[in-house]
PDB file of N, CA and C in Angstrom:
ATOM      1  N   MET A   1     -21.341 -30.460 -33.677  1.00  0.00           N
ATOM      2  CA  MET A   1     -20.204 -30.316 -32.808  1.00  0.00           C
ATOM      3  C   MET A   1     -20.615 -29.686 -31.899  1.00  0.00           C
ATOM      4  N   PRO A   2     -20.779 -29.764 -30.465  1.00  0.00           N
ATOM      5  CA  PRO A   2     -21.008 -28.386 -29.440  1.00  0.00           C
ATOM      6  C   PRO A   2     -19.884 -27.670 -29.229  1.00  0.00           C
ATOM      7  N   ARG A   3     -20.329 -26.468 -29.249  1.00  0.00           N
ATOM      8  CA  ARG A   3     -19.757 -25.512 -28.386  1.00  0.00           C
ATOM      9  C   ARG A   3     -18.853 -25.599 -27.721  1.00  0.00           C
ATOM     10  N   SER A   4     -17.617 -25.315 -27.388  1.00  0.00           N
ATOM     11  CA  SER A   4     -17.007 -25.420 -26.431  1.00  0.00           C
ATOM     12  C   SER A   4     -16.338 -23.893 -25.782  1.00  0.00           C
ATOM     13  N   VAL A   5     -16.392 -23.816 -24.714  1.00  0.00           N
ATOM     14  CA  VAL A   5     -15.998 -22.269 -23.937  1.00  0.00           C
ATOM     15  C   VAL A   5     -15.393 -22.163 -22.940  1.00  0.00           C
ATOM     16  N   ASN A   6     -14.704 -23.332 -22.856  1.00  0.00           N
ATOM     17  CA  ASN A   6     -13.539 -23.422 -21.396  1.00  0.00           C
ATOM     18  C   ASN A   6     -14.264 -22.285 -20.517  1.00  0.00           C
ATOM     19  N   HIS A   7     -15.288 -23.301 -19.658  1.00  0.00           N
ATOM     20  CA  HIS A   7     -16.015 -22.931 -18.796  1.00  0.00           C
ATOM     21  C   HIS A   7     -14.821 -22.593 -17.280  1.00  0.00           C
ATOM     22  N   VAL A   8     -13.966 -23.481 -17.154  1.00  0.00           N
ATOM     23  CA  VAL A   8     -12.854 -23.483 -16.042  1.00  0.00           C
ATOM     24  C   VAL A   8     -12.618 -22.278 -16.121  1.00  0.00           C
ATOM     25  N   ALA A   9     -11.685 -21.764 -17.363  1.00  0.00           N
ATOM     26  CA  ALA A   9     -10.527 -20.640 -17.109  1.00  0.00           C
ATOM     27  C   ALA A   9     -11.256 -19.713 -17.162  1.00  0.00           C
ATOM     28  N   SER A  10     -12.598 -19.316 -17.737  1.00  0.00           N
ATOM     29  CA  SER A  10     -13.382 -18.354 -17.187  1.00  0.00           C
ATOM     30  C   SER A  10     -14.014 -18.075 -16.267  1.00  0.00           C
ATOM     31  N   ARG A  11     -14.619 -19.317 -15.761  1.00  0.00           N
ATOM     32  CA  ARG A  11     -15.047 -19.156 -14.270  1.00  0.00           C
ATOM     33  C   ARG A  11     -13.908 -18.837 -13.300  1.00  0.00           C
ATOM     34  N   ALA A  12     -12.489 -19.678 -13.403  1.00  0.00           N
ATOM     35  CA  ALA A  12     -11.575 -18.824 -12.872  1.00  0.00           C
ATOM     36  C   ALA A  12     -11.086 -17.336 -12.514  1.00  0.00           C
ATOM     37  N   LYS A  13     -11.346 -17.158 -13.995  1.00  0.00           N
ATOM     38  CA  LYS A  13     -10.846 -15.412 -14.177  1.00  0.00           C
ATOM     39  C   LYS A  13     -11.938 -14.335 -13.469  1.00  0.00           C
ATOM     40  N   ARG A  14     -13.222 -15.062 -13.489  1.00  0.00           N
ATOM     41  CA  ARG A  14     -14.208 -14.624 -12.558  1.00  0.00           C
ATOM     42  C   ARG A  14     -13.995 -14.095 -10.809  1.00  0.00           C
ATOM     43  N   LYS A  15     -13.490 -15.663 -11.036  1.00  0.00           N
ATOM     44  CA  LYS A  15     -13.601 -15.848  -9.173  1.00  0.00           C
ATOM     45  C   LYS A  15     -12.336 -15.217  -8.554  1.00  0.00           C
ATOM     46  N   ARG A  16     -10.882 -14.715  -9.244  1.00  0.00           N
ATOM     47  CA  ARG A  16     -10.138 -14.388  -8.872  1.00  0.00           C
ATOM     48  C   ARG A  16     -10.501 -12.611  -8.869  1.00  0.00           C
ATOM     49  N   ILE A  17     -10.861 -12.324  -9.750  1.00  0.00           N
ATOM     50  CA  ILE A  17     -11.323 -10.589  -9.826  1.00  0.00           C
ATOM     51  C   ILE A  17     -12.086 -10.503  -8.512  1.00  0.00           C
ATOM     52  N   LEU A  18     -13.301 -11.086  -8.443  1.00  0.00           N
ATOM     53  CA  LEU A  18     -14.255 -11.185  -7.238  1.00  0.00           C
ATOM     54  C   LEU A  18     -13.787 -11.551  -5.799  1.00  0.00           C
ATOM     55  N   LYS A  19     -12.701 -11.873  -5.878  1.00  0.00           N
ATOM     56  CA  LYS A  19     -11.549 -12.339  -4.924  1.00  0.00           C
ATOM     57  C   LYS A  19     -10.694 -10.641  -4.611  1.00  0.00           C
ATOM     58  N   LEU A  20     -10.174 -10.267  -5.364  1.00  0.00           N
ATOM     59  CA  LEU A  20      -9.738  -8.678  -5.282  1.00  0.00           C
ATOM     60  C   LEU A  20     -11.335  -7.605  -4.794  1.00  0.00           C
ATOM     61  N   THR A  21     -12.333  -7.985  -5.240  1.00  0.00           N
ATOM     62  CA  THR A  21     -12.867  -6.589  -4.813  1.00  0.00           C
ATOM     63  C   THR A  21     -13.533  -7.342  -3.180  1.00  0.00           C
ATOM     64  N   ARG A  22     -13.295  -8.181  -2.744  1.00  0.00           N
ATOM     65  CA  ARG A  22     -13.674  -8.153  -1.473  1.00  0.00           C
ATOM     66  C   ARG A  22     -13.968  -7.185  -0.730  1.00  0.00           C
ATOM     67  N   GLY A  23     -14.719  -6.454   0.256  1.00  0.00           N
ATOM     68  CA  GLY A  23     -14.585  -5.829   1.044  1.00  0.00           C
ATOM     69  C   GLY A  23     -14.961  -4.251   0.738  1.00  0.00           C
ATOM     70  N   TYR A  24     -15.184  -4.358  -0.365  1.00  0.00           N
ATOM     71  CA  TYR A  24     -15.928  -2.899  -1.273  1.00  0.00           C
ATOM     72  C   TYR A  24     -17.553  -3.038  -1.028  1.00  0.00           C
ATOM     73  N   PHE A  25     -18.120  -1.745  -1.132  1.00  0.00           N
ATOM     74  CA  PHE A  25     -19.575  -2.129  -0.892  1.00  0.00           C
ATOM     75  C   PHE A  25     -20.249  -2.297  -2.137  1.00  0.00           C
ATOM     76  N   GLY A  26     -21.497  -3.260  -1.290  1.00  0.00           N
ATOM     77  CA  GLY A  26     -22.882  -3.125  -2.088  1.00  0.00           C
ATOM     78  C   GLY A  26     -22.428  -4.288  -3.177  1.00  0.00           C
ATOM     79  N   ALA A  27     -22.733  -3.440  -4.602  1.00  0.00           N
ATOM     80  CA  ALA A  27     -22.811  -4.556  -5.627  1.00  0.00           C
ATOM     81  C   ALA A  27     -21.754  -4.887  -6.077  1.00  0.00           C
ATOM     82  N   ARG A  28     -20.560  -4.334  -5.717  1.00  0.00           N
ATOM     83  CA  ARG A  28     -19.383  -3.643  -6.372  1.00  0.00           C
ATOM     84  C   ARG A  28     -17.960  -5.034  -5.695  1.00  0.00           C
ATOM     85  N   LYS A  29     -18.848  -5.402  -5.059  1.00  0.00           N
ATOM     86  CA  LYS A  29     -18.168  -6.684  -4.383  1.00  0.00           C
ATOM     87  C   LYS A  29     -18.735  -8.363  -4.719  1.00  0.00           C
ATOM     88  N   ASN A  30     -19.753  -8.176  -5.762  1.00  0.00           N
ATOM     89  CA  ASN A  30     -20.133  -9.724  -5.997  1.00  0.00           C
ATOM     90  C   ASN A  30     -21.003  -9.534  -7.536  1.00  0.00           C
ATOM     91  N   VAL A  31     -20.824  -8.355  -7.826  1.00  0.00           N
ATOM     92  CA  VAL A  31     -21.938  -8.624  -9.324  1.00  0.00           C
ATOM     93  C   VAL A  31     -21.028  -8.168 -10.543  1.00  0.00           C
ATOM     94  N   TRP A  32     -20.574  -9.102 -11.210  1.00  0.00           N
ATOM     95  CA  TRP A  32     -19.218  -9.682 -12.139  1.00  0.00           C
ATOM     96  C   TRP A  32     -19.531  -8.258 -12.904  1.00  0.00           C
ATOM     97  N   THR A  33     -20.017  -7.716 -13.456  1.00  0.00           N
ATOM     98  CA  THR A  33     -19.702  -6.712 -14.424  1.00  0.00           C
ATOM     99  C   THR A  33     -19.144  -5.423 -13.138  1.00  0.00           C
ATOM    100  N   VAL A  34     -20.030  -5.089 -11.938  1.00  0.00           N
ATOM    101  CA  VAL A  34     -19.965  -3.924 -11.711  1.00  0.00           C
ATOM    102  C   VAL A  34     -18.086  -4.211 -10.386  1.00  0.00           C
ATOM    103  N   ALA A  35     -17.694  -5.150 -10.148  1.00  0.00           N
ATOM    104  CA  ALA A  35     -16.869  -5.489  -9.812  1.00  0.00           C
ATOM    105  C   ALA A  35     -15.669  -5.398 -10.192  1.00  0.00           C
ATOM    106  N   LYS A  36     -15.525  -5.601 -11.476  1.00  0.00           N
ATOM    107  CA  LYS A  36     -14.737  -5.782 -13.000  1.00  0.00           C
ATOM    108  C   LYS A  36     -14.215  -4.432 -12.849  1.00  0.00           C
ATOM    109  N   ASN A  37     -15.640  -3.599 -13.454  1.00  0.00           N
ATOM    110  CA  ASN A  37     -15.741  -1.644 -13.712  1.00  0.00           C
ATOM    111  C   ASN A  37     -14.574  -1.203 -12.697  1.00  0.00           C
ATOM    112  N   THR A  38     -14.956  -1.808 -11.205  1.00  0.00           N
ATOM    113  CA  THR A  38     -14.516  -1.221 -10.083  1.00  0.00           C
ATOM    114  C   THR A  38     -13.304  -1.335  -9.778  1.00  0.00           C
ATOM    115  N   TRP A  39     -13.076  -2.607 -10.165  1.00  0.00           N
ATOM    116  CA  TRP A  39     -11.365  -3.446 -10.000  1.00  0.00           C
ATOM    117  C   TRP A  39     -10.640  -2.549 -11.105  1.00  0.00           C
ATOM    118  N   GLU A  40     -10.954  -2.075 -12.595  1.00  0.00           N
ATOM    119  CA  GLU A  40     -10.061  -1.930 -13.407  1.00  0.00           C
ATOM    120  C   GLU A  40      -9.921  -0.022 -12.827  1.00  0.00           C
ATOM    121  N   LYS A  41     -10.905   0.471 -12.241  1.00  0.00           N
ATOM    122  CA  LYS A  41     -11.155   1.736 -12.144  1.00  0.00           C
ATOM    123  C   LYS A  41     -10.288   2.465 -11.007  1.00  0.00           C
ATOM    124  N   GLY A  42      -9.690   0.981  -9.940  1.00  0.00           N
ATOM    125  CA  GLY A  42      -9.010   1.255  -9.177  1.00  0.00           C
ATOM    126  C   GLY A  42      -7.552   0.898  -9.542  1.00  0.00           C
ATOM    127  N   LEU A  43      -7.177   0.220 -10.699  1.00  0.00           N
ATOM    128  CA  LEU A  43      -6.060   0.217 -10.865  1.00  0.00           C
ATOM    129  C   LEU A  43      -5.255   1.746 -11.236  1.00  0.00           C
ATOM    130  N   THR A  44      -6.699   2.176 -12.424  1.00  0.00           N
ATOM    131  CA  THR A  44      -6.083   4.078 -12.796  1.00  0.00           C
ATOM    132  C   THR A  44      -5.593   4.763 -11.508  1.00  0.00           C
ATOM    133  N   TYR A  45      -6.966   4.594 -10.925  1.00  0.00           N
ATOM    134  CA  TYR A  45      -6.442   5.544  -9.584  1.00  0.00           C
ATOM    135  C   TYR A  45      -4.711   5.014  -9.302  1.00  0.00           C
ATOM    136  N   ALA A  46      -4.518   3.931  -8.523  1.00  0.00           N
ATOM    137  CA  ALA A  46      -2.954   3.251  -8.457  1.00  0.00           C
ATOM    138  C   ALA A  46      -1.958   4.054  -8.958  1.00  0.00           C
ATOM    139  N   PHE A  47      -2.630   3.569 -10.858  1.00  0.00           N
ATOM    140  CA  PHE A  47      -1.611   3.942 -11.240  1.00  0.00           C
ATOM    141  C   PHE A  47      -0.970   5.820 -11.033  1.00  0.00           C
ATOM    142  N   ARG A  48      -2.109   6.490 -11.052  1.00  0.00           N
ATOM    143  CA  ARG A  48      -2.441   8.043 -10.728  1.00  0.00           C
ATOM    144  C   ARG A  48      -1.738   8.301  -9.292  1.00  0.00           C
ATOM    145  N   ASP A  49      -1.639   7.884  -8.598  1.00  0.00           N
ATOM    146  CA  ASP A  49      -1.213   7.845  -7.490  1.00  0.00           C
ATOM    147  C   ASP A  49       0.118   7.563  -6.780  1.00  0.00           C
ATOM    148  N   ARG A  50       0.507   6.821  -7.668  1.00  0.00           N
ATOM    149  CA  ARG A  50       1.973   6.454  -7.333  1.00  0.00           C
ATOM    150  C   ARG A  50       2.983   7.516  -7.450  1.00  0.00           C
ATOM    151  N   ARG A  51       2.130   8.660  -8.538  1.00  0.00           N
ATOM    152  CA  ARG A  51       2.955   9.662  -9.079  1.00  0.00           C
ATOM    153  C   ARG A  51       2.743  10.641  -7.994  1.00  0.00           C
ATOM    154  N   ASN A  52       0.973  10.835  -7.867  1.00  0.00           N
ATOM    155  CA  ASN A  52       0.580  12.113  -6.787  1.00  0.00           C
ATOM    156  C   ASN A  52       1.598  11.903  -5.134  1.00  0.00           C
ATOM    157  N   LYS A  53       1.606  10.451  -4.951  1.00  0.00           N
ATOM    158  CA  LYS A  53       2.486  10.357  -3.704  1.00  0.00           C
ATOM    159  C   LYS A  53       3.729  11.423  -3.606  1.00  0.00           C
ATOM    160  N   LYS A  54       4.628  11.262  -4.731  1.00  0.00           N
ATOM    161  CA  LYS A  54       5.682  11.732  -4.982  1.00  0.00           C
ATOM    162  C   LYS A  54       5.747  13.454  -4.795  1.00  0.00           C
ATOM    163  N   ARG A  55       4.812  13.919  -5.537  1.00  0.00           N
ATOM    164  CA  ARG A  55       4.112  15.244  -5.122  1.00  0.00           C
ATOM    165  C   ARG A  55       4.335  15.803  -3.571  1.00  0.00           C
ATOM    166  N   THR A  56       3.132  14.885  -3.275  1.00  0.00           N
ATOM    167  CA  THR A  56       2.564  15.672  -1.912  1.00  0.00           C
ATOM    168  C   THR A  56       3.448  15.203  -1.084  1.00  0.00           C
ATOM    169  N   PHE A  57       4.488  14.419  -0.645  1.00  0.00           N
ATOM    170  CA  PHE A  57       5.460  14.459   0.167  1.00  0.00           C
ATOM    171  C   PHE A  57       6.593  15.604  -0.470  1.00  0.00           C
ATOM    172  N   ARG A  58       7.068  15.874  -1.732  1.00  0.00           N
ATOM    173  CA  ARG A  58       7.685  17.249  -1.714  1.00  0.00           C
ATOM    174  C   ARG A  58       6.931  18.125  -0.685  1.00  0.00           C
ATOM    175  N   ALA A  59       5.924  18.043  -1.194  1.00  0.00           N
ATOM    176  CA  ALA A  59       5.054  19.541  -0.543  1.00  0.00           C
ATOM    177  C   ALA A  59       5.392  19.873   0.855  1.00  0.00           C
ATOM    178  N   LEU A  60       5.131  18.142   1.790  1.00  0.00           N
ATOM    179  CA  LEU A  60       5.134  18.111   3.189  1.00  0.00           C
ATOM    180  C   LEU A  60       6.758  18.340   2.925  1.00  0.00           C
ATOM    181  N   TRP A  61       7.448  18.163   2.894  1.00  0.00           N
ATOM    182  CA  TRP A  61       8.887  18.826   3.130  1.00  0.00           C
ATOM    183  C   TRP A  61       9.363  19.946   2.966  1.00  0.00           C
ATOM    184  N   ILE A  62       9.129  20.915   2.021  1.00  0.00           N
ATOM    185  CA  ILE A  62       8.694  22.090   1.768  1.00  0.00           C
ATOM    186  C   ILE A  62       8.318  22.763   2.720  1.00  0.00           C
ATOM    187  N   GLN A  63       7.210  22.086   3.339  1.00  0.00           N
ATOM    188  CA  GLN A  63       6.534  22.940   4.714  1.00  0.00           C
ATOM    189  C   GLN A  63       7.404  23.111   5.894  1.00  0.00           C
ATOM    190  N   ARG A  64       7.757  21.578   5.820  1.00  0.00           N
ATOM    191  CA  ARG A  64       8.481  21.753   7.074  1.00  0.00           C
ATOM    192  C   ARG A  64      10.210  22.469   7.450  1.00  0.00           C
ATOM    193  N   ILE A  65      10.571  22.059   6.039  1.00  0.00           N
ATOM    194  CA  ILE A  65      11.968  23.189   5.997  1.00  0.00           C
ATOM    195  C   ILE A  65      11.226  24.943   6.095  1.00  0.00           C
ATOM    196  N   ASN A  66      10.216  25.150   5.287  1.00  0.00           N
ATOM    197  CA  ASN A  66      10.100  26.338   5.525  1.00  0.00           C
ATOM    198  C   ASN A  66       9.875  26.771   6.955  1.00  0.00           C
ATOM    199  N   ALA A  67       9.314  25.932   8.248  1.00  0.00           N
ATOM    200  CA  ALA A  67       8.447  26.203   9.001  1.00  0.00           C
ATOM    201  C   ALA A  67       9.890  26.290   9.815  1.00  0.00           C
ATOM    202  N   ALA A  68      11.053  25.230   9.962  1.00  0.00           N
ATOM    203  CA  ALA A  68      12.595  25.316  10.701  1.00  0.00           C
ATOM    204  C   ALA A  68      12.958  26.294  10.204  1.00  0.00           C
ATOM    205  N   ALA A  69      13.006  26.613   8.987  1.00  0.00           N
ATOM    206  CA  ALA A  69      13.866  28.072   8.808  1.00  0.00           C
ATOM    207  C   ALA A  69      13.305  29.092   9.090  1.00  0.00           C
ATOM    208  N   ARG A  70      12.428  29.396   9.196  1.00  0.00           N
ATOM    209  CA  ARG A  70      11.094  30.535  10.098  1.00  0.00           C
ATOM    210  C   ARG A  70      11.834  30.310  11.591  1.00  0.00           C
ATOM    211  N   LEU A  71      11.891  29.840  12.092  1.00  0.00           N
ATOM    212  CA  LEU A  71      12.458  29.590  13.508  1.00  0.00           C
ATOM    213  C   LEU A  71      13.697  30.246  13.422  1.00  0.00           C
ATOM    214  N   GLU A  72      14.727  29.694  12.160  1.00  0.00           N
ATOM    215  CA  GLU A  72      15.654  30.572  12.410  1.00  0.00           C
ATOM    216  C   GLU A  72      15.730  31.799  11.754  1.00  0.00           C
ATOM    217  N   GLY A  73      14.899  32.538  11.563  1.00  0.00           N
ATOM    218  CA  GLY A  73      14.635  33.944  11.071  1.00  0.00           C
ATOM    219  C   GLY A  73      15.107  34.163   9.670  1.00  0.00           C
ATOM    220  N   MET A  74      14.481  32.930   8.643  1.00  0.00           N
ATOM    221  CA  MET A  74      14.763  32.964   6.954  1.00  0.00           C
ATOM    222  C   MET A  74      13.663  32.736   6.758  1.00  0.00           C
ATOM    223  N   SER A  75      13.723  32.657   5.502  1.00  0.00           N
ATOM    224  CA  SER A  75      11.988  31.568   4.954  1.00  0.00           C
ATOM    225  C   SER A  75      12.910  30.653   3.562  1.00  0.00           C
ATOM    226  N   TYR A  76      12.058  30.026   3.160  1.00  0.00           N
ATOM    227  CA  TYR A  76      12.257  28.867   2.655  1.00  0.00           C
ATOM    228  C   TYR A  76      12.993  29.396   1.516  1.00  0.00           C
ATOM    229  N   SER A  77      12.843  30.120   0.941  1.00  0.00           N
ATOM    230  CA  SER A  77      13.377  30.832  -0.553  1.00  0.00           C
ATOM    231  C   SER A  77      14.974  30.740  -0.520  1.00  0.00           C
ATOM    232  N   GLN A  78      14.922  31.761   1.118  1.00  0.00           N
ATOM    233  CA  GLN A  78      15.948  32.700   1.339  1.00  0.00           C
ATOM    234  C   GLN A  78      17.100  31.059   1.481  1.00  0.00           C
ATOM    235  N   LEU A  79      16.476  30.265   2.125  1.00  0.00           N
ATOM    236  CA  LEU A  79      17.455  28.995   2.922  1.00  0.00           C
ATOM    237  C   LEU A  79      18.488  28.203   1.383  1.00  0.00           C
ATOM    238  N   MET A  80      17.196  28.056   0.578  1.00  0.00           N
ATOM    239  CA  MET A  80      17.276  26.953  -1.108  1.00  0.00           C
ATOM    240  C   MET A  80      18.310  27.978  -1.738  1.00  0.00           C
ATOM    241  N   GLY A  81      17.636  28.982  -1.527  1.00  0.00           N
ATOM    242  CA  GLY A  81      18.866  29.768  -2.431  1.00  0.00           C
ATOM    243  C   GLY A  81      20.100  30.101  -1.790  1.00  0.00           C
ATOM    244  N   GLY A  82      20.391  30.651  -0.733  1.00  0.00           N
ATOM    245  CA  GLY A  82      21.226  30.270   0.579  1.00  0.00           C
ATOM    246  C   GLY A  82      22.333  29.009   0.075  1.00  0.00           C
ATOM    247  N   LEU A  83      21.607  28.337  -0.109  1.00  0.00           N
ATOM    248  CA  LEU A  83      22.117  26.836  -0.339  1.00  0.00           C
ATOM    249  C   LEU A  83      22.859  26.061  -1.673  1.00  0.00           C
ATOM    250  N   HIS A  84      22.370  27.093  -2.619  1.00  0.00           N
ATOM    251  CA  HIS A  84      22.774  26.684  -4.196  1.00  0.00           C
ATOM    252  C   HIS A  84      24.537  27.782  -4.233  1.00  0.00           C
ATOM    253  N   LYS A  85      23.967  28.727  -3.449  1.00  0.00           N
ATOM    254  CA  LYS A  85      25.324  29.858  -3.877  1.00  0.00           C
ATOM    255  C   LYS A  85      26.271  29.125  -3.138  1.00  0.00           C
ATOM    256  N   ALA A  86      26.217  28.282  -1.566  1.00  0.00           N
ATOM    257  CA  ALA A  86      26.975  27.893  -0.352  1.00  0.00           C
ATOM    258  C   ALA A  86      27.662  26.457  -1.731  1.00  0.00           C
ATOM    259  N   GLY A  87      26.917  26.029  -2.177  1.00  0.00           N
ATOM    260  CA  GLY A  87      27.215  24.927  -2.975  1.00  0.00           C
ATOM    261  C   GLY A  87      27.175  23.842  -1.869  1.00  0.00           C
ATOM    262  N   ILE A  88      26.041  23.502  -1.069  1.00  0.00           N
ATOM    263  CA  ILE A  88      25.661  22.514  -0.063  1.00  0.00           C
ATOM    264  C   ILE A  88      24.556  21.770  -1.066  1.00  0.00           C
ATOM    265  N   GLU A  89      24.811  20.581  -1.543  1.00  0.00           N
ATOM    266  CA  GLU A  89      24.130  19.695  -2.228  1.00  0.00           C
ATOM    267  C   GLU A  89      23.563  19.167  -1.437  1.00  0.00           C
ATOM    268  N   ILE A  90      22.326  19.006  -1.222  1.00  0.00           N
ATOM    269  CA  ILE A  90      21.227  18.671   0.109  1.00  0.00           C
ATOM    270  C   ILE A  90      19.865  18.500  -0.260  1.00  0.00           C
ATOM    271  N   ASN A  91      19.370  17.286  -0.218  1.00  0.00           N
ATOM    272  CA  ASN A  91      17.959  17.008  -1.218  1.00  0.00           C
ATOM    273  C   ASN A  91      16.863  17.637  -0.065  1.00  0.00           C
ATOM    274  N   ARG A  92      15.712  17.943  -0.671  1.00  0.00           N
ATOM    275  CA  ARG A  92      14.494  18.427   0.569  1.00  0.00           C
ATOM    276  C   ARG A  92      14.006  17.345   2.073  1.00  0.00           C
ATOM    277  N   LYS A  93      14.347  16.335   1.142  1.00  0.00           N
ATOM    278  CA  LYS A  93      13.826  14.631   1.947  1.00  0.00           C
ATOM    279  C   LYS A  93      14.748  15.191   3.149  1.00  0.00           C
ATOM    280  N   ILE A  94      16.258  14.917   2.947  1.00  0.00           N
ATOM    281  CA  ILE A  94      16.937  15.134   3.893  1.00  0.00           C
ATOM    282  C   ILE A  94      17.106  16.389   4.970  1.00  0.00           C
ATOM    283  N   LEU A  95      16.600  17.507   4.275  1.00  0.00           N
ATOM    284  CA  LEU A  95      16.890  18.491   4.987  1.00  0.00           C
ATOM    285  C   LEU A  95      15.475  18.565   5.506  1.00  0.00           C
ATOM    286  N   ALA A  96      14.429  18.243   5.700  1.00  0.00           N
ATOM    287  CA  ALA A  96      13.316  18.187   5.725  1.00  0.00           C
ATOM    288  C   ALA A  96      13.337  16.897   7.511  1.00  0.00           C
ATOM    289  N   ASP A  97      14.301  15.971   6.939  1.00  0.00           N
ATOM    290  CA  ASP A  97      14.610  15.456   8.010  1.00  0.00           C
ATOM    291  C   ASP A  97      15.637  15.399   9.413  1.00  0.00           C
ATOM    292  N   LEU A  98      16.081  16.183   8.896  1.00  0.00           N
ATOM    293  CA  LEU A  98      16.819  16.973   9.776  1.00  0.00           C
ATOM    294  C   LEU A  98      16.243  18.436  10.695  1.00  0.00           C
ATOM    295  N   ALA A  99      15.644  18.940   9.792  1.00  0.00           N
ATOM    296  CA  ALA A  99      14.757  20.360  10.654  1.00  0.00           C
ATOM    297  C   ALA A  99      13.934  19.257  11.599  1.00  0.00           C
ATOM    298  N   VAL A 100      13.467  18.358  11.288  1.00  0.00           N
ATOM    299  CA  VAL A 100      12.501  17.624  12.219  1.00  0.00           C
ATOM    300  C   VAL A 100      12.874  16.979  13.422  1.00  0.00           C
ATOM    301  N   ASN A 101      14.052  15.930  13.223  1.00  0.00           N
ATOM    302  CA  ASN A 101      14.560  15.125  13.842  1.00  0.00           C
ATOM    303  C   ASN A 101      15.859  15.520  14.666  1.00  0.00           C
ATOM    304  N   TYR A 102      16.312  16.101  13.791  1.00  0.00           N
ATOM    305  CA  TYR A 102      18.032  16.964  14.447  1.00  0.00           C
ATOM    306  C   TYR A 102      18.242  18.630  14.304  1.00  0.00           C
ATOM    307  N   PRO A 103      17.145  18.826  15.043  1.00  0.00           N
ATOM    308  CA  PRO A 103      17.623  20.412  14.893  1.00  0.00           C
ATOM    309  C   PRO A 103      18.797  20.903  15.060  1.00  0.00           C
ATOM    310  N   GLU A 104      19.727  20.276  15.971  1.00  0.00           N
ATOM    311  CA  GLU A 104      21.018  20.751  16.120  1.00  0.00           C
ATOM    312  C   GLU A 104      21.905  21.195  14.515  1.00  0.00           C
ATOM    313  N   ALA A 105      21.521  19.773  13.980  1.00  0.00           N
ATOM    314  CA  ALA A 105      22.438  20.207  12.512  1.00  0.00           C
ATOM    315  C   ALA A 105      21.592  21.054  11.502  1.00  0.00           C
ATOM    316  N   PHE A 106      20.590  21.482  11.610  1.00  0.00           N
ATOM    317  CA  PHE A 106      19.698  21.942  10.896  1.00  0.00           C
ATOM    318  C   PHE A 106      20.120  23.353  11.288  1.00  0.00           C
ATOM    319  N   LYS A 107      20.158  23.873  12.275  1.00  0.00           N
ATOM    320  CA  LYS A 107      20.509  25.119  12.579  1.00  0.00           C
ATOM    321  C   LYS A 107      21.982  25.381  12.510  1.00  0.00           C
ATOM    322  N   ALA A 108      23.001  24.602  12.142  1.00  0.00           N
ATOM    323  CA  ALA A 108      24.410  24.450  11.929  1.00  0.00           C
ATOM    324  C   ALA A 108      24.628  24.450  10.064  1.00  0.00           C
ATOM    325  N   ILE A 109      23.907  24.025   9.728  1.00  0.00           N
ATOM    326  CA  ILE A 109      23.700  24.349   7.954  1.00  0.00           C
ATOM    327  C   ILE A 109      22.979  25.618   7.301  1.00  0.00           C
ATOM    328  N   VAL A 110      22.062  26.299   8.373  1.00  0.00           N
ATOM    329  CA  VAL A 110      21.392  27.360   8.775  1.00  0.00           C
ATOM    330  C   VAL A 110      22.554  28.632   8.755  1.00  0.00           C
ATOM    331  N   ALA A 111      23.322  28.404   9.875  1.00  0.00           N
ATOM    332  CA  ALA A 111      24.363  29.014  10.408  1.00  0.00           C
ATOM    333  C   ALA A 111      25.423  29.353   9.045  1.00  0.00           C
ATOM    334  N   ARG A 112      25.279  28.098   8.345  1.00  0.00           N
ATOM    335  CA  ARG A 112      26.358  27.831   7.089  1.00  0.00           C
ATOM    336  C   ARG A 112      26.420  28.703   6.135  1.00  0.00           C
ATOM    337  N   VAL A 113      24.554  28.221   5.659  1.00  0.00           N
ATOM    338  CA  VAL A 113      23.964  29.674   4.921  1.00  0.00           C
ATOM    339  C   VAL A 113      24.325  30.986   4.926  1.00  0.00           C
ATOM    340  N   ARG A 114      24.258  31.198   6.298  1.00  0.00           N
ATOM    341  CA  ARG A 114      24.132  32.783   6.697  1.00  0.00           C
ATOM    342  C   ARG A 114      25.609  33.517   6.359  1.00  0.00           C
ATOM    343  N   GLY A 115      26.838  32.761   6.920  1.00  0.00           N
ATOM    344  CA  GLY A 115      28.461  32.762   6.679  1.00  0.00           C
ATOM    345  C   GLY A 115      29.245  32.887   5.919  1.00  0.00           C
TER     346      GLY A 115
END
């Protein structure tokens, strides 16, 4: 009896992955083994960078808060310590948004921390 390999399914699987690697450079887009390895490696990068994105955004928020706080004559650490002592629970994302888009509200928060 001849060996059955289900070529329809295996070809469809290869076609699906080659479709996902369209736009890659050189052999990465059309050579099966290279394309498969590139695609798998891309998944690991995606997993890693979904976590790293959170770190980089937090760093950006801290830089923005620090810059705005220094315009008010205060350092970032003094501001955050003052917020904690004053019992003002506001996260860095919102605080950075206030510093950039609503400077008057940010000034009010700094004044509350000082007073």
